Amino acid sequence: MTLSAALIEHAAPTLAGLKPASLFRVHPRDGAFVTEFLTCRAELARQGLVLTLLKGCRKSGAYLVYLYRQRDLERLLAKEEHRTFLYEMGYAPWEGVKDCLRQLAVRLCLEQDFPHEIGVFLGYPLSDIKGFIANRGKGFTLCGCWKCYGDPREAQRTFHAYQRCTRDYLRRFARGATLSQLVVAA
């Protein structure tokens, strides 16, 4: 699978502007990945999106690819409740999105489990992130794109919107639309 196809499959809601960020794993099969990554990153940057690698695994050759909308992530990280929560989780005060993402990348490399605060960086409701941590992933009201601990109806609407978007983007991509044609500029 090409990186463009992986972006459509795993990050369509972010490409469409419905979600501030997406994270997914790729396992490149050949040396063309670096060239394709750099091409996609430049193409997406022209439209206000940032494509970065948060983690690479030397053993498997897999990468965690993170796509985000710069302005949307800045707004999320500027919210007092998100800042306070991340400080409580051990983050040091940061200067800009990239500095905060560096701290997340370090935590991804140092911790055996995924750091649960990653939900903040993906735009999940803070109440659901805190609910997941407090309940250790059990007792949720709905499970979809994430585990919901609040109003399942609101979460279900969001999950359906993301699913519809992904189906639409996959269909359009299969019919020949390019990555650039599918991005809603930020």
N, C-alpha and C. Protein backbone atom coordinates (compact mmCIF):
# COMPACT_ATOMS: atom_id res chain seq x y z
N MET A 1 0.85 -1.18 0.00
CA MET A 1 0.00 0.00 0.00
C MET A 1 0.89 1.24 0.00
N THR A 2 0.56 2.19 -0.82
CA THR A 2 1.30 3.45 -0.87
C THR A 2 0.97 4.30 0.35
N LEU A 3 1.81 5.27 0.64
CA LEU A 3 1.53 6.19 1.74
C LEU A 3 0.27 6.98 1.46
N SER A 4 0.06 7.41 0.21
CA SER A 4 -1.16 8.14 -0.13
C SER A 4 -2.39 7.31 0.18
N ALA A 5 -2.38 6.04 -0.18
CA ALA A 5 -3.51 5.16 0.09
C ALA A 5 -3.70 4.98 1.60
N ALA A 6 -2.61 4.86 2.34
CA ALA A 6 -2.70 4.73 3.80
C ALA A 6 -3.28 6.00 4.42
N LEU A 7 -2.89 7.15 3.89
CA LEU A 7 -3.46 8.41 4.40
C LEU A 7 -4.96 8.47 4.16
N ILE A 8 -5.40 8.03 3.00
CA ILE A 8 -6.83 8.04 2.71
C ILE A 8 -7.56 7.07 3.65
N GLU A 9 -7.01 5.89 3.81
CA GLU A 9 -7.66 4.86 4.63
C GLU A 9 -7.69 5.20 6.11
N HIS A 10 -6.61 5.79 6.62
CA HIS A 10 -6.49 5.99 8.07
C HIS A 10 -6.63 7.44 8.54
N ALA A 11 -6.64 8.39 7.60
CA ALA A 11 -6.66 9.79 8.02
C ALA A 11 -7.66 10.64 7.24
N ALA A 12 -8.61 10.02 6.58
CA ALA A 12 -9.58 10.79 5.79
C ALA A 12 -10.28 11.88 6.60
N PRO A 13 -10.75 11.62 7.84
CA PRO A 13 -11.40 12.70 8.59
C PRO A 13 -10.49 13.90 8.85
N THR A 14 -9.18 13.67 8.97
CA THR A 14 -8.24 14.78 9.15
C THR A 14 -8.05 15.50 7.82
N LEU A 15 -7.91 14.74 6.75
CA LEU A 15 -7.78 15.35 5.42
C LEU A 15 -9.00 16.21 5.09
N ALA A 16 -10.18 15.78 5.55
CA ALA A 16 -11.43 16.48 5.26
C ALA A 16 -11.70 17.65 6.21
N GLY A 17 -10.92 17.77 7.27
CA GLY A 17 -11.13 18.85 8.23
C GLY A 17 -12.12 18.53 9.32
N LEU A 18 -12.51 17.26 9.45
CA LEU A 18 -13.45 16.85 10.50
C LEU A 18 -12.74 16.56 11.82
N LYS A 19 -11.47 16.31 11.75
CA LYS A 19 -10.71 15.85 12.90
C LYS A 19 -9.36 16.58 12.87
N PRO A 20 -8.82 16.95 14.03
CA PRO A 20 -7.56 17.71 14.03
C PRO A 20 -6.33 16.89 13.67
N ALA A 21 -6.37 15.58 13.92
CA ALA A 21 -5.17 14.77 13.68
C ALA A 21 -5.51 13.29 13.59
N SER A 22 -4.60 12.55 12.97
CA SER A 22 -4.73 11.10 12.85
C SER A 22 -3.36 10.47 13.04
N LEU A 23 -3.37 9.25 13.54
CA LEU A 23 -2.15 8.50 13.78
C LEU A 23 -2.35 7.09 13.26
N PHE A 24 -1.36 6.59 12.53
CA PHE A 24 -1.46 5.22 12.04
C PHE A 24 -0.08 4.64 11.82
N ARG A 25 -0.03 3.34 11.71
CA ARG A 25 1.22 2.62 11.54
C ARG A 25 1.39 2.20 10.09
N VAL A 26 2.58 2.38 9.56
CA VAL A 26 2.91 1.88 8.22
C VAL A 26 4.14 1.00 8.33
N HIS A 27 4.17 0.03 7.46
CA HIS A 27 5.33 -0.86 7.39
C HIS A 27 5.80 -0.88 5.94
N PRO A 28 6.69 0.06 5.58
CA PRO A 28 7.14 0.16 4.19
C PRO A 28 7.81 -1.13 3.74
N ARG A 29 7.54 -1.49 2.51
CA ARG A 29 8.11 -2.71 1.94
C ARG A 29 9.33 -2.45 1.07
N ASP A 30 9.56 -1.17 0.74
CA ASP A 30 10.71 -0.87 -0.12
C ASP A 30 11.28 0.50 0.22
N GLY A 31 12.35 0.85 -0.44
CA GLY A 31 13.04 2.11 -0.19
C GLY A 31 12.32 3.33 -0.73
N ALA A 32 11.23 3.15 -1.45
CA ALA A 32 10.50 4.29 -2.02
C ALA A 32 9.74 5.07 -0.95
N PHE A 33 9.61 4.52 0.25
CA PHE A 33 8.83 5.18 1.30
C PHE A 33 9.35 6.58 1.61
N VAL A 34 10.64 6.73 1.75
CA VAL A 34 11.21 8.03 2.11
C VAL A 34 10.86 9.08 1.06
N THR A 35 11.01 8.75 -0.19
CA THR A 35 10.68 9.68 -1.27
C THR A 35 9.20 10.01 -1.25
N GLU A 36 8.36 8.99 -1.09
CA GLU A 36 6.92 9.23 -1.06
C GLU A 36 6.53 10.05 0.16
N PHE A 37 7.15 9.77 1.30
CA PHE A 37 6.87 10.53 2.52
C PHE A 37 7.19 12.01 2.30
N LEU A 38 8.36 12.29 1.77
CA LEU A 38 8.77 13.68 1.55
C LEU A 38 7.85 14.39 0.54
N THR A 39 7.43 13.67 -0.49
CA THR A 39 6.51 14.24 -1.49
C THR A 39 5.16 14.54 -0.85
N CYS A 40 4.61 13.58 -0.11
CA CYS A 40 3.31 13.79 0.56
C CYS A 40 3.41 14.91 1.57
N ARG A 41 4.49 14.95 2.33
CA ARG A 41 4.65 15.99 3.36
C ARG A 41 4.63 17.37 2.72
N ALA A 42 5.34 17.55 1.62
CA ALA A 42 5.38 18.85 0.93
C ALA A 42 4.01 19.20 0.37
N GLU A 43 3.36 18.23 -0.23
CA GLU A 43 2.03 18.43 -0.82
C GLU A 43 1.02 18.84 0.25
N LEU A 44 1.04 18.17 1.39
CA LEU A 44 0.09 18.45 2.47
C LEU A 44 0.41 19.78 3.15
N ALA A 45 1.69 20.12 3.25
CA ALA A 45 2.09 21.37 3.89
C ALA A 45 1.53 22.58 3.14
N ARG A 46 1.45 22.47 1.82
CA ARG A 46 0.89 23.57 1.03
C ARG A 46 -0.58 23.82 1.37
N GLN A 47 -1.21 22.83 1.98
CA GLN A 47 -2.63 22.96 2.31
C GLN A 47 -2.87 23.06 3.82
N GLY A 48 -1.81 23.32 4.59
CA GLY A 48 -1.94 23.58 6.02
C GLY A 48 -1.92 22.35 6.91
N LEU A 49 -1.49 21.22 6.37
CA LEU A 49 -1.40 20.01 7.17
C LEU A 49 0.07 19.63 7.35
N VAL A 50 0.35 18.98 8.46
CA VAL A 50 1.71 18.57 8.76
C VAL A 50 1.76 17.06 8.87
N LEU A 51 2.68 16.46 8.14
CA LEU A 51 2.88 15.02 8.16
C LEU A 51 4.24 14.76 8.80
N THR A 52 4.25 13.93 9.83
CA THR A 52 5.49 13.67 10.54
C THR A 52 5.55 12.22 10.99
N LEU A 53 6.74 11.77 11.29
CA LEU A 53 6.94 10.43 11.85
C LEU A 53 7.19 10.61 13.34
N LEU A 54 6.33 10.01 14.16
CA LEU A 54 6.50 10.13 15.61
C LEU A 54 7.43 9.07 16.17
N LYS A 55 7.48 7.93 15.51
CA LYS A 55 8.29 6.84 16.04
C LYS A 55 8.62 5.87 14.92
N GLY A 56 9.81 5.33 14.96
CA GLY A 56 10.21 4.29 14.04
C GLY A 56 10.74 3.10 14.82
N CYS A 57 10.52 1.92 14.31
CA CYS A 57 11.00 0.70 14.96
C CYS A 57 12.09 0.08 14.10
N ARG A 58 13.29 0.02 14.63
CA ARG A 58 14.41 -0.54 13.88
C ARG A 58 14.21 -2.03 13.60
N LYS A 59 13.61 -2.73 14.55
CA LYS A 59 13.45 -4.17 14.41
C LYS A 59 12.47 -4.53 13.29
N SER A 60 11.29 -3.89 13.29
CA SER A 60 10.27 -4.24 12.30
C SER A 60 10.31 -3.34 11.06
N GLY A 61 10.91 -2.16 11.17
CA GLY A 61 10.93 -1.21 10.07
C GLY A 61 9.64 -0.40 9.95
N ALA A 62 8.75 -0.53 10.94
CA ALA A 62 7.47 0.18 10.91
C ALA A 62 7.64 1.59 11.48
N TYR A 63 6.71 2.46 11.08
CA TYR A 63 6.68 3.85 11.56
C TYR A 63 5.29 4.20 12.06
N LEU A 64 5.24 5.10 13.05
CA LEU A 64 3.98 5.73 13.43
C LEU A 64 3.93 7.06 12.70
N VAL A 65 2.95 7.19 11.82
CA VAL A 65 2.78 8.39 11.01
C VAL A 65 1.69 9.24 11.64
N TYR A 66 1.98 10.50 11.83
CA TYR A 66 1.04 11.43 12.45
C TYR A 66 0.77 12.57 11.47
N LEU A 67 -0.51 12.76 11.19
CA LEU A 67 -0.95 13.84 10.32
C LEU A 67 -1.80 14.79 11.15
N TYR A 68 -1.48 16.08 11.10
CA TYR A 68 -2.29 17.02 11.88
C TYR A 68 -2.47 18.33 11.13
N ARG A 69 -3.54 19.00 11.54
CA ARG A 69 -3.85 20.35 11.06
C ARG A 69 -3.22 21.31 12.06
N GLN A 70 -2.25 22.06 11.60
CA GLN A 70 -1.46 22.93 12.46
C GLN A 70 -2.34 23.81 13.36
N ARG A 71 -3.23 24.56 12.76
CA ARG A 71 -4.06 25.50 13.54
C ARG A 71 -4.97 24.78 14.53
N ASP A 72 -5.54 23.66 14.10
CA ASP A 72 -6.44 22.91 14.99
C ASP A 72 -5.69 22.35 16.19
N LEU A 73 -4.50 21.82 15.96
CA LEU A 73 -3.72 21.27 17.08
C LEU A 73 -3.25 22.40 17.99
N GLU A 74 -2.87 23.53 17.42
CA GLU A 74 -2.49 24.67 18.25
C GLU A 74 -3.64 25.07 19.17
N ARG A 75 -4.84 25.13 18.61
CA ARG A 75 -6.02 25.49 19.42
C ARG A 75 -6.27 24.47 20.53
N LEU A 76 -6.15 23.19 20.20
CA LEU A 76 -6.36 22.14 21.21
C LEU A 76 -5.35 22.27 22.35
N LEU A 77 -4.09 22.40 22.00
CA LEU A 77 -3.04 22.46 23.01
C LEU A 77 -3.05 23.77 23.80
N ALA A 78 -3.71 24.79 23.29
CA ALA A 78 -3.81 26.07 23.99
C ALA A 78 -4.94 26.07 25.02
N LYS A 79 -5.86 25.11 24.91
CA LYS A 79 -6.96 25.05 25.88
C LYS A 79 -6.41 24.76 27.27
N GLU A 80 -6.86 25.55 28.23
CA GLU A 80 -6.35 25.43 29.60
C GLU A 80 -6.54 24.01 30.16
N GLU A 81 -7.69 23.39 29.89
CA GLU A 81 -7.93 22.05 30.44
C GLU A 81 -6.98 21.01 29.82
N HIS A 82 -6.63 21.19 28.55
CA HIS A 82 -5.68 20.27 27.92
C HIS A 82 -4.26 20.50 28.44
N ARG A 83 -3.89 21.76 28.58
CA ARG A 83 -2.55 22.06 29.11
C ARG A 83 -2.40 21.50 30.52
N THR A 84 -3.39 21.75 31.36
CA THR A 84 -3.34 21.27 32.74
C THR A 84 -3.25 19.75 32.78
N PHE A 85 -4.06 19.10 31.97
CA PHE A 85 -4.05 17.63 31.92
C PHE A 85 -2.67 17.11 31.49
N LEU A 86 -2.10 17.69 30.45
CA LEU A 86 -0.80 17.23 29.97
C LEU A 86 0.29 17.50 31.01
N TYR A 87 0.22 18.64 31.72
CA TYR A 87 1.17 18.89 32.79
C TYR A 87 1.04 17.82 33.87
N GLU A 88 -0.21 17.47 34.22
CA GLU A 88 -0.45 16.43 35.22
C GLU A 88 0.10 15.07 34.76
N MET A 89 0.14 14.86 33.45
CA MET A 89 0.65 13.60 32.90
C MET A 89 2.18 13.61 32.78
N GLY A 90 2.81 14.73 33.18
CA GLY A 90 4.26 14.78 33.19
C GLY A 90 4.90 15.59 32.08
N TYR A 91 4.11 16.26 31.27
CA TYR A 91 4.67 17.10 30.21
C TYR A 91 5.21 18.39 30.82
N ALA A 92 6.34 18.84 30.31
CA ALA A 92 6.90 20.13 30.72
C ALA A 92 6.22 21.21 29.88
N PRO A 93 6.17 22.44 30.39
CA PRO A 93 5.63 23.52 29.55
C PRO A 93 6.34 23.54 28.21
N TRP A 94 5.58 23.81 27.16
CA TRP A 94 6.14 23.74 25.81
C TRP A 94 6.00 25.06 25.09
N GLU A 95 6.86 25.21 24.09
CA GLU A 95 6.84 26.36 23.21
C GLU A 95 6.41 25.86 21.84
N GLY A 96 5.17 25.95 21.52
CA GLY A 96 4.67 25.56 20.21
C GLY A 96 4.36 24.08 20.09
N VAL A 97 3.64 23.76 19.04
CA VAL A 97 3.17 22.40 18.79
C VAL A 97 4.33 21.41 18.67
N LYS A 98 5.35 21.77 17.91
CA LYS A 98 6.46 20.84 17.68
C LYS A 98 7.15 20.45 18.98
N ASP A 99 7.29 21.38 19.90
CA ASP A 99 7.91 21.08 21.18
C ASP A 99 7.06 20.09 21.98
N CYS A 100 5.77 20.28 21.96
CA CYS A 100 4.87 19.36 22.67
C CYS A 100 4.89 17.98 22.00
N LEU A 101 4.93 17.95 20.68
CA LEU A 101 4.98 16.68 19.96
C LEU A 101 6.30 15.95 20.21
N ARG A 102 7.38 16.69 20.42
CA ARG A 102 8.66 16.05 20.76
C ARG A 102 8.53 15.30 22.09
N GLN A 103 7.82 15.91 23.03
CA GLN A 103 7.61 15.24 24.32
C GLN A 103 6.77 13.98 24.14
N LEU A 104 5.75 14.05 23.31
CA LEU A 104 4.94 12.86 23.03
C LEU A 104 5.79 11.78 22.37
N ALA A 105 6.62 12.16 21.41
CA ALA A 105 7.46 11.18 20.71
C ALA A 105 8.41 10.49 21.69
N VAL A 106 8.96 11.23 22.63
CA VAL A 106 9.84 10.63 23.64
C VAL A 106 9.05 9.63 24.48
N ARG A 107 7.84 10.00 24.86
CA ARG A 107 7.02 9.10 25.68
C ARG A 107 6.64 7.84 24.90
N LEU A 108 6.42 7.99 23.61
CA LEU A 108 6.12 6.82 22.78
C LEU A 108 7.30 5.85 22.76
N CYS A 109 8.50 6.39 22.78
CA CYS A 109 9.70 5.54 22.73
C CYS A 109 10.05 4.95 24.09
N LEU A 110 9.76 5.64 25.16
CA LEU A 110 10.18 5.20 26.49
C LEU A 110 9.17 4.31 27.20
N GLU A 111 7.91 4.46 26.89
CA GLU A 111 6.89 3.71 27.60
C GLU A 111 6.55 2.43 26.86
N GLN A 112 6.30 1.38 27.64
CA GLN A 112 5.95 0.10 27.03
C GLN A 112 4.56 0.16 26.40
N ASP A 113 3.62 0.80 27.08
CA ASP A 113 2.27 0.97 26.56
C ASP A 113 2.15 2.33 25.86
N PHE A 114 1.13 2.44 25.03
CA PHE A 114 0.85 3.72 24.41
C PHE A 114 0.50 4.71 25.52
N PRO A 115 1.06 5.91 25.50
CA PRO A 115 0.67 6.90 26.51
C PRO A 115 -0.79 7.32 26.28
N HIS A 116 -1.61 7.15 27.28
CA HIS A 116 -3.05 7.37 27.12
C HIS A 116 -3.41 8.81 26.77
N GLU A 117 -2.56 9.75 27.13
CA GLU A 117 -2.85 11.14 26.81
C GLU A 117 -2.78 11.41 25.32
N ILE A 118 -2.40 10.43 24.53
CA ILE A 118 -2.32 10.61 23.08
C ILE A 118 -3.68 11.03 22.51
N GLY A 119 -4.75 10.70 23.22
CA GLY A 119 -6.09 11.11 22.78
C GLY A 119 -6.23 12.62 22.63
N VAL A 120 -5.50 13.38 23.45
CA VAL A 120 -5.54 14.84 23.32
C VAL A 120 -5.04 15.23 21.94
N PHE A 121 -3.97 14.59 21.49
CA PHE A 121 -3.33 14.90 20.21
C PHE A 121 -4.15 14.40 19.02
N LEU A 122 -5.17 13.60 19.29
CA LEU A 122 -6.04 13.08 18.24
C LEU A 122 -7.42 13.74 18.25
N GLY A 123 -7.63 14.65 19.20
CA GLY A 123 -8.89 15.38 19.26
C GLY A 123 -10.01 14.64 19.98
N TYR A 124 -9.68 13.63 20.77
CA TYR A 124 -10.72 12.92 21.52
C TYR A 124 -11.19 13.80 22.66
N PRO A 125 -12.45 13.65 23.08
CA PRO A 125 -12.93 14.43 24.23
C PRO A 125 -12.11 14.13 25.48
N LEU A 126 -11.75 15.17 26.21
CA LEU A 126 -10.93 15.00 27.40
C LEU A 126 -11.62 14.11 28.43
N SER A 127 -12.94 14.22 28.53
CA SER A 127 -13.66 13.37 29.50
C SER A 127 -13.51 11.89 29.16
N ASP A 128 -13.43 11.57 27.88
CA ASP A 128 -13.24 10.17 27.48
C ASP A 128 -11.81 9.70 27.75
N ILE A 129 -10.85 10.58 27.57
CA ILE A 129 -9.46 10.23 27.85
C ILE A 129 -9.29 9.97 29.34
N LYS A 130 -9.83 10.87 30.14
CA LYS A 130 -9.74 10.69 31.59
C LYS A 130 -10.53 9.46 32.04
N GLY A 131 -11.69 9.22 31.41
CA GLY A 131 -12.47 8.03 31.73
C GLY A 131 -11.73 6.75 31.40
N PHE A 132 -11.04 6.74 30.29
CA PHE A 132 -10.26 5.57 29.89
C PHE A 132 -9.17 5.29 30.92
N ILE A 133 -8.47 6.33 31.33
CA ILE A 133 -7.39 6.17 32.31
C ILE A 133 -7.95 5.70 33.64
N ALA A 134 -9.00 6.36 34.12
CA ALA A 134 -9.57 6.02 35.43
C ALA A 134 -10.16 4.60 35.46
N ASN A 135 -10.73 4.17 34.35
CA ASN A 135 -11.39 2.86 34.29
C ASN A 135 -10.52 1.77 33.65
N ARG A 136 -9.29 2.15 33.32
CA ARG A 136 -8.34 1.20 32.70
C ARG A 136 -8.92 0.52 31.47
N GLY A 137 -9.67 1.32 30.69
CA GLY A 137 -10.22 0.82 29.43
C GLY A 137 -11.49 -0.01 29.57
N LYS A 138 -12.00 -0.15 30.76
CA LYS A 138 -13.22 -0.93 30.98
C LYS A 138 -14.40 0.00 31.31
N GLY A 139 -15.61 -0.50 31.25
CA GLY A 139 -16.79 0.25 31.67
C GLY A 139 -17.18 1.39 30.76
N PHE A 140 -16.79 1.34 29.52
CA PHE A 140 -17.10 2.42 28.58
C PHE A 140 -18.57 2.34 28.16
N THR A 141 -19.11 3.46 27.68
CA THR A 141 -20.50 3.50 27.22
C THR A 141 -20.62 3.16 25.75
N LEU A 142 -19.53 3.31 24.99
CA LEU A 142 -19.51 3.00 23.56
C LEU A 142 -18.06 2.86 23.12
N CYS A 143 -17.83 1.91 22.23
CA CYS A 143 -16.49 1.73 21.67
C CYS A 143 -16.58 1.89 20.16
N GLY A 144 -15.79 2.79 19.64
CA GLY A 144 -15.75 3.04 18.19
C GLY A 144 -14.35 3.47 17.82
N CYS A 145 -14.20 4.70 17.38
CA CYS A 145 -12.88 5.24 17.07
C CYS A 145 -12.04 5.38 18.34
N TRP A 146 -12.69 5.49 19.47
CA TRP A 146 -12.08 5.51 20.79
C TRP A 146 -13.12 4.98 21.76
N LYS A 147 -12.74 4.78 23.01
CA LYS A 147 -13.69 4.33 24.02
C LYS A 147 -14.32 5.56 24.66
N CYS A 148 -15.63 5.59 24.60
CA CYS A 148 -16.41 6.73 25.10
C CYS A 148 -16.88 6.44 26.53
N TYR A 149 -16.75 7.43 27.38
CA TYR A 149 -17.22 7.31 28.77
C TYR A 149 -18.29 8.34 29.07
N GLY A 150 -18.67 9.10 28.09
CA GLY A 150 -19.69 10.12 28.26
C GLY A 150 -20.94 9.75 27.49
N ASP A 151 -21.49 10.73 26.79
CA ASP A 151 -22.72 10.55 26.03
C ASP A 151 -22.47 9.69 24.79
N PRO A 152 -23.00 8.47 24.77
CA PRO A 152 -22.74 7.59 23.63
C PRO A 152 -23.39 8.09 22.34
N ARG A 153 -24.49 8.83 22.43
CA ARG A 153 -25.16 9.33 21.22
C ARG A 153 -24.28 10.32 20.48
N GLU A 154 -23.66 11.23 21.21
CA GLU A 154 -22.78 12.21 20.58
C GLU A 154 -21.56 11.52 19.97
N ALA A 155 -20.99 10.58 20.70
CA ALA A 155 -19.84 9.85 20.17
C ALA A 155 -20.24 9.06 18.93
N GLN A 156 -21.41 8.44 18.93
CA GLN A 156 -21.86 7.66 17.78
C GLN A 156 -22.02 8.53 16.55
N ARG A 157 -22.53 9.75 16.72
CA ARG A 157 -22.64 10.68 15.60
C ARG A 157 -21.26 10.99 15.01
N THR A 158 -20.30 11.21 15.89
CA THR A 158 -18.94 11.50 15.43
C THR A 158 -18.35 10.28 14.72
N PHE A 159 -18.51 9.09 15.31
CA PHE A 159 -17.97 7.87 14.70
C PHE A 159 -18.57 7.67 13.30
N HIS A 160 -19.88 7.87 13.18
CA HIS A 160 -20.54 7.70 11.87
C HIS A 160 -20.02 8.72 10.86
N ALA A 161 -19.82 9.96 11.30
CA ALA A 161 -19.31 10.99 10.39
C ALA A 161 -17.92 10.59 9.88
N TYR A 162 -17.08 10.10 10.77
CA TYR A 162 -15.73 9.67 10.37
C TYR A 162 -15.81 8.48 9.41
N GLN A 163 -16.69 7.54 9.68
CA GLN A 163 -16.84 6.36 8.81
C GLN A 163 -17.35 6.76 7.43
N ARG A 164 -18.36 7.63 7.39
CA ARG A 164 -18.89 8.10 6.09
C ARG A 164 -17.80 8.81 5.30
N CYS A 165 -17.05 9.65 5.96
CA CYS A 165 -15.96 10.38 5.31
C CYS A 165 -14.94 9.41 4.73
N THR A 166 -14.54 8.43 5.52
CA THR A 166 -13.53 7.47 5.06
C THR A 166 -14.04 6.67 3.87
N ARG A 167 -15.29 6.21 3.93
CA ARG A 167 -15.86 5.46 2.79
C ARG A 167 -15.88 6.33 1.53
N ASP A 168 -16.31 7.58 1.68
CA ASP A 168 -16.36 8.50 0.54
C ASP A 168 -14.97 8.75 -0.03
N TYR A 169 -13.99 9.00 0.82
CA TYR A 169 -12.63 9.25 0.36
C TYR A 169 -12.03 8.02 -0.31
N LEU A 170 -12.26 6.83 0.25
CA LEU A 170 -11.75 5.60 -0.37
C LEU A 170 -12.36 5.40 -1.76
N ARG A 171 -13.65 5.67 -1.87
CA ARG A 171 -14.33 5.52 -3.16
C ARG A 171 -13.77 6.52 -4.18
N ARG A 172 -13.62 7.77 -3.78
CA ARG A 172 -13.11 8.79 -4.69
C ARG A 172 -11.65 8.51 -5.07
N PHE A 173 -10.86 8.04 -4.12
CA PHE A 173 -9.46 7.72 -4.40
C PHE A 173 -9.37 6.55 -5.39
N ALA A 174 -10.22 5.55 -5.19
CA ALA A 174 -10.24 4.39 -6.09
C ALA A 174 -10.64 4.80 -7.51
N ARG A 175 -11.42 5.88 -7.63
CA ARG A 175 -11.85 6.37 -8.95
C ARG A 175 -10.84 7.32 -9.58
N GLY A 176 -9.72 7.54 -8.89
CA GLY A 176 -8.66 8.35 -9.50
C GLY A 176 -8.39 9.70 -8.89
N ALA A 177 -9.12 10.10 -7.84
CA ALA A 177 -8.84 11.37 -7.20
C ALA A 177 -7.45 11.30 -6.53
N THR A 178 -6.72 12.38 -6.58
CA THR A 178 -5.40 12.42 -5.97
C THR A 178 -5.52 12.88 -4.51
N LEU A 179 -4.45 12.69 -3.78
CA LEU A 179 -4.42 13.13 -2.40
C LEU A 179 -4.70 14.63 -2.31
N SER A 180 -4.06 15.41 -3.15
CA SER A 180 -4.27 16.87 -3.14
C SER A 180 -5.72 17.24 -3.42
N GLN A 181 -6.37 16.52 -4.31
CA GLN A 181 -7.76 16.81 -4.62
C GLN A 181 -8.69 16.50 -3.46
N LEU A 182 -8.28 15.61 -2.58
CA LEU A 182 -9.15 15.20 -1.47
C LEU A 182 -8.93 16.01 -0.20
N VAL A 183 -7.88 16.79 -0.15
CA VAL A 183 -7.59 17.57 1.06
C VAL A 183 -8.44 18.84 1.08
N VAL A 184 -9.07 19.08 2.20
CA VAL A 184 -9.76 20.35 2.43
C VAL A 184 -8.71 21.25 3.08
N ALA A 185 -8.36 22.31 2.40
CA ALA A 185 -7.28 23.19 2.88
C ALA A 185 -7.61 23.75 4.25
N ALA A 186 -6.58 23.86 5.07
CA ALA A 186 -6.75 24.39 6.43
C ALA A 186 -6.76 25.90 6.41
